[in-house]
Amino acid sequence: MKTKNSIMLALAIMLISTSAFSQVTFGLRSGVAATTLSDKGNLYQDNKVTFSYTGGAFAAIPVFKSFAIQPELNYVRKGRSNETTELNTTVKTDFMLHYLEVPVLFQYRNDQLLNKSGSVFYINAGPYAAFALNTQTRISGNNEGTLVPVSDSKNTDWGTTFGIGFQTPVFKKNICFDLRYDMGLSEIELQPTEYRTKSLNLTVGIVL
């Protein structure tokens, strides 16, 4: 119930924000995410990576000429992949968290390029809240895999997002290319140490 209330509050904030500004644009985005779990404060621990799909919707709210606020509602699967070998048998264990992620990004745009060709570079940064929809462990060995749901895990994640992007017109539609890094600040449950989430996302979006 608490998770549902948080999601409804986030959606209400997005709706109120969009009604307060003119010239709001909306869009959809999708792509791939390379994710892992690492010790607290360890930005360079990038092993045990797992790959997944990510996608969602966004609203770009202009505030000043080169500054905008961009709330989003995204799906992303984060986790960690481990491999162990015993008696010449390799066993792969994937711990996976399916999140509904709500970032609120502050965006700076380079208008000099925009004025010449309709294209623009931008920088994104801001906080996010991620609500766990499902948690699973997948155990694979001898080319077979078994999914095991983890019902006791309540992994609501709070973190920060920052990255760069490029928007350009293609067939009269604005197409966005984003590269982002998510860094979780909340400890993940059911892990052997104080792991946090980390994710590198590459997405393509379209402004509707």
Protein backbone atom coordinates (compact mmCIF):
# COMPACT_ATOMS: atom_id res chain seq x y z
CA MET A 1 0.00 0.00 0.00
CA LYS A 2 2.83 2.38 0.83
CA THR A 3 4.41 1.75 -2.59
CA LYS A 4 1.12 2.42 -4.39
CA ASN A 5 0.65 5.67 -2.48
CA SER A 6 4.17 6.78 -3.39
CA ILE A 7 3.55 6.04 -7.07
CA MET A 8 0.27 7.97 -7.04
CA LEU A 9 1.99 10.92 -5.34
CA ALA A 10 4.74 10.94 -7.96
CA LEU A 11 2.18 10.89 -10.77
CA ALA A 12 0.23 13.73 -9.13
CA ILE A 13 3.39 15.84 -8.91
CA MET A 14 4.06 15.22 -12.60
CA LEU A 15 0.52 16.29 -13.57
CA ILE A 16 0.59 19.41 -11.40
CA SER A 17 4.00 20.37 -12.76
CA THR A 18 2.95 19.97 -16.39
CA SER A 19 -0.13 22.14 -15.90
CA ALA A 20 1.96 24.94 -14.41
CA PHE A 21 4.12 25.46 -17.49
CA SER A 22 3.38 26.15 -21.15
CA GLN A 23 4.96 24.44 -24.16
CA VAL A 24 5.32 21.11 -22.38
CA THR A 25 6.38 18.24 -24.64
CA PHE A 26 5.89 14.52 -24.05
CA GLY A 27 7.80 11.51 -25.31
CA LEU A 28 8.62 7.83 -25.10
CA ARG A 29 12.01 6.20 -24.65
CA SER A 30 13.44 2.65 -24.70
CA GLY A 31 16.83 0.99 -24.69
CA VAL A 32 19.20 -1.26 -22.78
CA ALA A 33 20.60 -1.13 -19.23
CA ALA A 34 23.85 -2.61 -17.93
CA THR A 35 23.41 -3.02 -14.17
CA THR A 36 25.17 -4.43 -11.15
CA LEU A 37 25.24 -4.20 -7.36
CA SER A 38 28.29 -2.84 -5.56
CA ASP A 39 29.51 -1.85 -2.11
CA LYS A 40 28.48 1.51 -0.71
CA GLY A 41 30.41 4.37 -2.31
CA ASN A 42 32.31 2.10 -4.73
CA LEU A 43 31.88 3.72 -8.16
CA TYR A 44 34.46 1.51 -9.87
CA GLN A 45 33.18 -1.95 -8.90
CA ASP A 46 31.61 -2.82 -12.26
CA ASN A 47 31.91 -6.61 -12.42
CA LYS A 48 29.04 -9.12 -12.27
CA VAL A 49 27.07 -7.06 -14.80
CA THR A 50 23.63 -8.11 -16.04
CA PHE A 51 21.85 -6.64 -19.08
CA SER A 52 18.16 -5.82 -19.47
CA TYR A 53 15.55 -3.72 -21.26
CA THR A 54 14.49 -0.29 -20.01
CA GLY A 55 11.81 2.08 -21.25
CA GLY A 56 9.18 4.61 -20.27
CA ALA A 57 7.61 8.02 -20.81
CA PHE A 58 8.75 11.58 -20.08
CA ALA A 59 7.53 15.17 -20.03
CA ALA A 60 9.89 18.08 -20.79
CA ILE A 61 8.85 21.27 -18.98
CA PRO A 62 10.73 24.41 -20.12
CA VAL A 63 11.57 26.83 -17.32
CA PHE A 64 14.09 29.17 -18.94
CA LYS A 65 15.56 29.37 -22.44
CA SER A 66 18.24 26.73 -21.80
CA PHE A 67 16.81 25.01 -18.72
CA ALA A 68 14.01 22.45 -18.33
CA ILE A 69 12.61 19.99 -15.79
CA GLN A 70 11.97 16.47 -17.05
CA PRO A 71 9.92 14.08 -14.87
CA GLU A 72 9.79 10.49 -16.13
CA LEU A 73 8.11 7.16 -15.43
CA ASN A 74 10.33 4.22 -16.44
CA TYR A 75 10.64 0.47 -16.12
CA VAL A 76 14.10 -0.96 -15.54
CA ARG A 77 15.46 -4.27 -14.31
CA LYS A 78 18.55 -4.04 -12.12
CA GLY A 79 20.63 -6.75 -10.51
CA ARG A 80 23.85 -8.71 -10.29
CA SER A 81 25.14 -11.85 -12.02
CA ASN A 82 27.43 -14.33 -10.25
CA GLU A 83 29.17 -17.45 -11.58
CA THR A 84 30.60 -20.32 -9.53
CA THR A 85 32.30 -23.51 -10.75
CA GLU A 86 32.24 -26.79 -8.84
CA LEU A 87 33.15 -30.25 -10.18
CA ASN A 88 33.54 -28.82 -13.71
CA THR A 89 29.99 -27.47 -13.59
CA THR A 90 29.39 -23.73 -13.92
CA VAL A 91 26.37 -22.33 -12.10
CA LYS A 92 25.18 -18.78 -12.86
CA THR A 93 22.99 -16.94 -10.36
CA ASP A 94 21.20 -13.73 -11.33
CA PHE A 95 19.58 -11.57 -8.64
CA MET A 96 17.05 -9.34 -10.43
CA LEU A 97 14.97 -6.38 -9.24
CA HIS A 98 12.15 -5.13 -11.47
CA TYR A 99 11.65 -1.42 -10.76
CA LEU A 100 9.15 1.29 -11.61
CA GLU A 101 11.51 4.26 -11.52
CA VAL A 102 10.43 7.91 -11.21
CA PRO A 103 13.30 10.36 -11.89
CA VAL A 104 12.94 14.14 -11.82
CA LEU A 105 15.74 15.49 -13.99
CA PHE A 106 17.08 19.01 -14.33
CA GLN A 107 18.15 19.56 -17.91
CA TYR A 108 20.51 22.14 -19.42
CA ARG A 109 20.43 22.52 -23.21
CA ASN A 110 22.98 24.04 -25.60
CA ASP A 111 20.85 26.41 -27.69
CA GLN A 112 23.66 27.51 -30.02
CA LEU A 113 23.53 24.23 -31.94
CA LEU A 114 19.73 24.22 -31.81
CA ASN A 115 19.50 27.55 -33.61
CA LYS A 116 21.59 26.31 -36.54
CA SER A 117 20.34 22.81 -37.33
CA GLY A 118 17.44 21.97 -35.05
CA SER A 119 19.72 19.65 -33.05
CA VAL A 120 20.75 20.15 -29.43
CA PHE A 121 23.09 18.66 -26.84
CA TYR A 122 21.91 18.52 -23.22
CA ILE A 123 22.97 17.45 -19.74
CA ASN A 124 20.64 15.69 -17.28
CA ALA A 125 20.94 15.34 -13.51
CA GLY A 126 18.51 14.74 -10.67
CA PRO A 127 17.11 12.37 -8.04
CA TYR A 128 14.95 9.31 -8.58
CA ALA A 129 12.69 7.01 -6.57
CA ALA A 130 12.40 3.37 -7.68
CA PHE A 131 9.64 1.07 -6.44
CA ALA A 132 10.25 -2.69 -6.64
CA LEU A 133 7.55 -4.44 -8.66
CA ASN A 134 9.12 -7.88 -8.38
CA THR A 135 12.31 -9.55 -7.14
CA GLN A 136 13.66 -12.77 -8.61
CA THR A 137 16.64 -15.08 -8.48
CA ARG A 138 17.51 -17.06 -11.62
CA ILE A 139 19.79 -20.09 -11.26
CA SER A 140 21.26 -21.43 -14.50
CA GLY A 141 23.38 -24.53 -15.04
CA ASN A 142 23.93 -26.90 -17.95
CA ASN A 143 22.04 -24.50 -20.24
CA GLU A 144 18.91 -24.67 -18.05
CA GLY A 145 17.51 -21.90 -15.88
CA THR A 146 15.08 -21.72 -12.99
CA LEU A 147 13.32 -18.54 -11.83
CA VAL A 148 12.67 -18.26 -8.10
CA PRO A 149 10.54 -15.31 -6.83
CA VAL A 150 11.76 -13.54 -3.69
CA SER A 151 8.58 -12.54 -1.89
CA ASP A 152 10.17 -11.20 1.31
CA SER A 153 12.15 -8.44 -0.40
CA LYS A 154 10.90 -4.83 -0.23
CA ASN A 155 13.58 -2.94 -2.11
CA THR A 156 12.47 0.65 -2.59
CA ASP A 157 15.48 2.49 -3.96
CA TRP A 158 16.40 6.18 -3.80
CA GLY A 159 19.25 7.49 -5.88
CA THR A 160 20.67 9.99 -8.33
CA THR A 161 20.86 10.09 -12.13
CA PHE A 162 23.20 12.04 -14.37
CA GLY A 163 24.09 11.85 -18.04
CA ILE A 164 24.28 13.45 -21.46
CA GLY A 165 21.98 13.45 -24.48
CA PHE A 166 21.52 14.57 -28.05
CA GLN A 167 18.26 15.55 -29.78
CA THR A 168 17.90 15.88 -33.54
CA PRO A 169 14.98 16.06 -36.02
CA VAL A 170 14.38 12.91 -38.09
CA PHE A 171 11.47 12.92 -40.59
CA LYS A 172 9.85 15.88 -38.78
CA LYS A 173 10.08 14.15 -35.39
CA ASN A 174 12.61 14.96 -32.67
CA ILE A 175 14.66 11.88 -31.73
CA CYS A 176 16.61 11.79 -28.44
CA PHE A 177 19.69 9.70 -27.63
CA ASP A 178 20.52 9.41 -23.93
CA LEU A 179 23.44 7.93 -22.00
CA ARG A 180 22.82 7.90 -18.23
CA TYR A 181 24.32 6.57 -15.05
CA ASP A 182 22.06 5.69 -12.10
CA MET A 183 23.58 5.38 -8.63
CA GLY A 184 21.38 3.93 -5.90
CA LEU A 185 21.68 5.18 -2.34
CA SER A 186 19.49 2.60 -0.56
CA GLU A 187 20.83 -0.71 0.72
CA ILE A 188 19.49 -3.75 -1.14
CA GLU A 189 17.97 -6.45 1.05
CA LEU A 190 18.92 -10.15 1.00
CA GLN A 191 22.53 -9.46 -0.02
CA PRO A 192 25.76 -10.57 1.68
CA THR A 193 27.04 -7.01 2.04
CA GLU A 194 25.77 -3.41 1.88
CA TYR A 195 25.10 -3.45 -1.84
CA ARG A 196 23.59 -0.53 -3.78
CA THR A 197 22.33 -0.54 -7.36
CA LYS A 198 24.29 0.87 -10.29
CA SER A 199 23.06 1.17 -13.85
CA LEU A 200 24.37 2.49 -17.17
CA ASN A 201 21.49 3.13 -19.59
CA LEU A 202 21.57 3.79 -23.33
CA THR A 203 18.16 4.76 -24.75
CA VAL A 204 16.50 6.21 -27.84
CA GLY A 205 13.42 8.39 -27.44
CA ILE A 206 10.89 10.22 -29.57
CA VAL A 207 9.16 13.51 -28.77
CA LEU A 208 5.46 13.12 -29.55
